[in-house]
Amino acid sequence: MSQSIATVSLLVADYDEAITFYCDTLGFDLVTDTDLGGGKRWVVVAPPGRTGAQLLLARADGESQRAAIGNQGGGRVMFFLETGNFARDHAAMIERGVKFIEEPRHEAYGSVAVFIDLYGNKWDFIQPSR
């Protein structure tokens, strides 16, 4: 039996600002943006050429969800965005305004640098050693 994690939900404050960040700044594709009525939408984004999971941008509903925006990982890196060309893609991300909170480093497991999304969630941008 083959299984995979297909979609991960990420709390956001606003659908449109999240789409702008993930698509225009980070370079993801808008997979789906469907109106569900009552102000709710089903918004899915994914890295171009994706082979792994995609993100459901879920607008926070209620105070407890709003309080979790930007801290769903408890201050730790929560997402790992892999690339096949670290130097090229890192430079392109900086050019588009992605905020890296550290300089790239080269570890036994690959080249990596941590960036934050528009809400402060931490991401590892990584080219794994193969």
C-alpha atoms as a PDB file:
ATOM      1  CA  MET A   1       0.000   0.000   0.000  1.00  0.00           C
ATOM      2  CA  SER A   2       1.450   3.338  -1.078  1.00  0.00           C
ATOM      3  CA  GLN A   3       0.616   6.491   0.863  1.00  0.00           C
ATOM      4  CA  SER A   4       1.829  10.069   0.853  1.00  0.00           C
ATOM      5  CA  ILE A   5       1.061  13.361   2.549  1.00  0.00           C
ATOM      6  CA  ALA A   6      -0.718  15.283  -0.184  1.00  0.00           C
ATOM      7  CA  THR A   7      -1.783  18.551   1.440  1.00  0.00           C
ATOM      8  CA  VAL A   8      -0.775  20.445   4.574  1.00  0.00           C
ATOM      9  CA  SER A   9      -2.974  23.179   6.046  1.00  0.00           C
ATOM     10  CA  LEU A  10      -1.330  26.491   6.931  1.00  0.00           C
ATOM     11  CA  LEU A  11      -3.195  29.166   8.885  1.00  0.00           C
ATOM     12  CA  VAL A  12      -3.117  32.588   7.221  1.00  0.00           C
ATOM     13  CA  ALA A  13      -4.610  35.966   8.112  1.00  0.00           C
ATOM     14  CA  ASP A  14      -5.879  36.777   4.623  1.00  0.00           C
ATOM     15  CA  TYR A  15      -6.269  34.668   1.497  1.00  0.00           C
ATOM     16  CA  ASP A  16      -5.143  37.281  -1.013  1.00  0.00           C
ATOM     17  CA  GLU A  17      -2.038  38.437   0.862  1.00  0.00           C
ATOM     18  CA  ALA A  18      -1.020  34.806   1.347  1.00  0.00           C
ATOM     19  CA  ILE A  19      -1.530  34.052  -2.368  1.00  0.00           C
ATOM     20  CA  THR A  20       0.582  37.099  -3.237  1.00  0.00           C
ATOM     21  CA  PHE A  21       3.413  35.958  -0.978  1.00  0.00           C
ATOM     22  CA  TYR A  22       3.417  32.289  -1.929  1.00  0.00           C
ATOM     23  CA  CYS A  23       2.888  32.834  -5.669  1.00  0.00           C
ATOM     24  CA  ASP A  24       4.553  36.164  -6.448  1.00  0.00           C
ATOM     25  CA  THR A  25       7.320  36.252  -3.840  1.00  0.00           C
ATOM     26  CA  LEU A  26       8.069  32.564  -3.286  1.00  0.00           C
ATOM     27  CA  GLY A  27       7.258  31.505  -6.855  1.00  0.00           C
ATOM     28  CA  PHE A  28       4.636  28.851  -6.118  1.00  0.00           C
ATOM     29  CA  ASP A  29       1.765  28.022  -8.466  1.00  0.00           C
ATOM     30  CA  LEU A  30      -1.850  28.707  -7.532  1.00  0.00           C
ATOM     31  CA  VAL A  31      -3.387  25.236  -7.851  1.00  0.00           C
ATOM     32  CA  THR A  32      -6.926  26.009  -6.711  1.00  0.00           C
ATOM     33  CA  ASP A  33      -8.896  29.019  -5.493  1.00  0.00           C
ATOM     34  CA  THR A  34     -12.512  28.017  -5.021  1.00  0.00           C
ATOM     35  CA  ASP A  35     -15.192  30.104  -3.288  1.00  0.00           C
ATOM     36  CA  LEU A  36     -16.920  27.969  -0.656  1.00  0.00           C
ATOM     37  CA  GLY A  37     -19.423  30.647   0.345  1.00  0.00           C
ATOM     38  CA  GLY A  38     -19.655  32.596   3.564  1.00  0.00           C
ATOM     39  CA  GLY A  39     -16.261  34.211   2.965  1.00  0.00           C
ATOM     40  CA  LYS A  40     -14.424  30.875   2.932  1.00  0.00           C
ATOM     41  CA  ARG A  41     -12.228  29.689   0.084  1.00  0.00           C
ATOM     42  CA  TRP A  42     -10.330  26.514  -0.771  1.00  0.00           C
ATOM     43  CA  VAL A  43      -6.920  27.929  -1.718  1.00  0.00           C
ATOM     44  CA  VAL A  44      -4.104  25.545  -2.601  1.00  0.00           C
ATOM     45  CA  VAL A  45      -0.587  26.522  -3.659  1.00  0.00           C
ATOM     46  CA  ALA A  46       2.412  24.370  -4.573  1.00  0.00           C
ATOM     47  CA  PRO A  47       5.981  24.750  -5.776  1.00  0.00           C
ATOM     48  CA  PRO A  48       6.312  24.650  -9.563  1.00  0.00           C
ATOM     49  CA  GLY A  49       6.812  21.124 -10.854  1.00  0.00           C
ATOM     50  CA  ARG A  50       5.787  19.791  -7.476  1.00  0.00           C
ATOM     51  CA  THR A  51       6.165  16.123  -6.690  1.00  0.00           C
ATOM     52  CA  GLY A  52       5.414  16.385  -2.971  1.00  0.00           C
ATOM     53  CA  ALA A  53       2.841  17.994  -0.748  1.00  0.00           C
ATOM     54  CA  GLN A  54       0.935  21.176  -1.482  1.00  0.00           C
ATOM     55  CA  LEU A  55      -0.277  23.868   0.940  1.00  0.00           C
ATOM     56  CA  LEU A  56      -3.885  24.635   1.776  1.00  0.00           C
ATOM     57  CA  LEU A  57      -3.943  28.306   2.788  1.00  0.00           C
ATOM     58  CA  ALA A  58      -6.604  28.289   5.493  1.00  0.00           C
ATOM     59  CA  ARG A  59      -7.802  31.668   6.739  1.00  0.00           C
ATOM     60  CA  ALA A  60      -7.849  31.593  10.516  1.00  0.00           C
ATOM     61  CA  ASP A  61     -11.295  31.368  12.041  1.00  0.00           C
ATOM     62  CA  GLY A  62     -11.594  32.492  15.648  1.00  0.00           C
ATOM     63  CA  GLU A  63      -9.181  33.935  18.164  1.00  0.00           C
ATOM     64  CA  SER A  64      -7.268  30.725  18.947  1.00  0.00           C
ATOM     65  CA  GLN A  65      -6.511  30.131  15.271  1.00  0.00           C
ATOM     66  CA  ARG A  66      -5.556  33.782  14.729  1.00  0.00           C
ATOM     67  CA  ALA A  67      -3.168  33.518  17.692  1.00  0.00           C
ATOM     68  CA  ALA A  68      -1.430  30.547  16.018  1.00  0.00           C
ATOM     69  CA  ILE A  69      -0.711  32.339  12.727  1.00  0.00           C
ATOM     70  CA  GLY A  70       3.045  32.414  12.222  1.00  0.00           C
ATOM     71  CA  ASN A  71       3.726  30.051  15.094  1.00  0.00           C
ATOM     72  CA  GLN A  72       2.231  26.749  14.010  1.00  0.00           C
ATOM     73  CA  GLY A  73       5.685  25.171  14.345  1.00  0.00           C
ATOM     74  CA  GLY A  74       6.237  26.548  17.854  1.00  0.00           C
ATOM     75  CA  GLY A  75       9.199  28.635  16.661  1.00  0.00           C
ATOM     76  CA  ARG A  76      10.916  25.718  14.890  1.00  0.00           C
ATOM     77  CA  VAL A  77      11.374  25.165  11.190  1.00  0.00           C
ATOM     78  CA  MET A  78       8.059  23.720  10.078  1.00  0.00           C
ATOM     79  CA  PHE A  79       8.439  23.319   6.316  1.00  0.00           C
ATOM     80  CA  PHE A  80      11.238  22.096   4.072  1.00  0.00           C
ATOM     81  CA  LEU A  81      11.379  23.418   0.510  1.00  0.00           C
ATOM     82  CA  GLU A  82      13.744  21.350  -1.623  1.00  0.00           C
ATOM     83  CA  THR A  83      15.519  22.495  -4.765  1.00  0.00           C
ATOM     84  CA  GLY A  84      17.797  20.949  -7.331  1.00  0.00           C
ATOM     85  CA  ASN A  85      19.819  24.167  -7.734  1.00  0.00           C
ATOM     86  CA  PHE A  86      20.377  25.922  -4.421  1.00  0.00           C
ATOM     87  CA  ALA A  87      22.570  28.804  -5.626  1.00  0.00           C
ATOM     88  CA  ARG A  88      20.306  29.790  -8.541  1.00  0.00           C
ATOM     89  CA  ASP A  89      17.049  29.511  -6.605  1.00  0.00           C
ATOM     90  CA  HIS A  90      18.409  31.160  -3.437  1.00  0.00           C
ATOM     91  CA  ALA A  91      19.518  34.179  -5.509  1.00  0.00           C
ATOM     92  CA  ALA A  92      16.128  34.348  -7.256  1.00  0.00           C
ATOM     93  CA  MET A  93      14.295  34.189  -3.924  1.00  0.00           C
ATOM     94  CA  ILE A  94      16.380  37.036  -2.508  1.00  0.00           C
ATOM     95  CA  GLU A  95      15.669  39.050  -5.664  1.00  0.00           C
ATOM     96  CA  ARG A  96      11.912  38.525  -5.145  1.00  0.00           C
ATOM     97  CA  GLY A  97      12.138  39.674  -1.506  1.00  0.00           C
ATOM     98  CA  VAL A  98      12.196  36.403   0.461  1.00  0.00           C
ATOM     99  CA  LYS A  99      13.662  37.114   3.913  1.00  0.00           C
ATOM    100  CA  PHE A 100      16.402  34.675   4.880  1.00  0.00           C
ATOM    101  CA  ILE A 101      17.309  34.756   8.568  1.00  0.00           C
ATOM    102  CA  GLU A 102      20.695  33.123   8.085  1.00  0.00           C
ATOM    103  CA  GLU A 103      23.422  32.795   5.492  1.00  0.00           C
ATOM    104  CA  PRO A 104      23.502  29.591   3.446  1.00  0.00           C
ATOM    105  CA  ARG A 105      25.460  26.791   5.035  1.00  0.00           C
ATOM    106  CA  HIS A 106      26.716  23.494   3.712  1.00  0.00           C
ATOM    107  CA  GLU A 107      26.055  20.495   5.918  1.00  0.00           C
ATOM    108  CA  ALA A 108      26.617  16.779   5.383  1.00  0.00           C
ATOM    109  CA  TYR A 109      22.945  16.478   4.421  1.00  0.00           C
ATOM    110  CA  GLY A 110      23.023  19.369   1.912  1.00  0.00           C
ATOM    111  CA  SER A 111      23.054  23.124   1.324  1.00  0.00           C
ATOM    112  CA  VAL A 112      20.514  24.934   3.479  1.00  0.00           C
ATOM    113  CA  ALA A 113      19.315  28.355   4.640  1.00  0.00           C
ATOM    114  CA  VAL A 114      16.320  29.279   6.794  1.00  0.00           C
ATOM    115  CA  PHE A 115      13.772  31.827   5.580  1.00  0.00           C
ATOM    116  CA  ILE A 116      10.531  33.136   7.022  1.00  0.00           C
ATOM    117  CA  ASP A 117       7.208  33.505   5.275  1.00  0.00           C
ATOM    118  CA  LEU A 118       5.034  36.614   5.516  1.00  0.00           C
ATOM    119  CA  TYR A 119       3.745  35.558   8.952  1.00  0.00           C
ATOM    120  CA  GLY A 120       7.084  34.480  10.434  1.00  0.00           C
ATOM    121  CA  ASN A 121       6.837  30.701   9.961  1.00  0.00           C
ATOM    122  CA  LYS A 122      10.312  29.231   9.504  1.00  0.00           C
ATOM    123  CA  TRP A 123      11.216  27.233   6.399  1.00  0.00           C
ATOM    124  CA  ASP A 124      14.367  25.334   5.473  1.00  0.00           C
ATOM    125  CA  PHE A 125      15.355  25.955   1.877  1.00  0.00           C
ATOM    126  CA  ILE A 126      17.513  22.976   1.036  1.00  0.00           C
ATOM    127  CA  GLN A 127      19.316  21.143  -1.708  1.00  0.00           C
ATOM    128  CA  PRO A 128      19.819  17.692  -0.217  1.00  0.00           C
ATOM    129  CA  SER A 129      23.050  15.804  -0.791  1.00  0.00           C
ATOM    130  CA  ARG A 130      22.219  12.781  -2.887  1.00  0.00           C
END
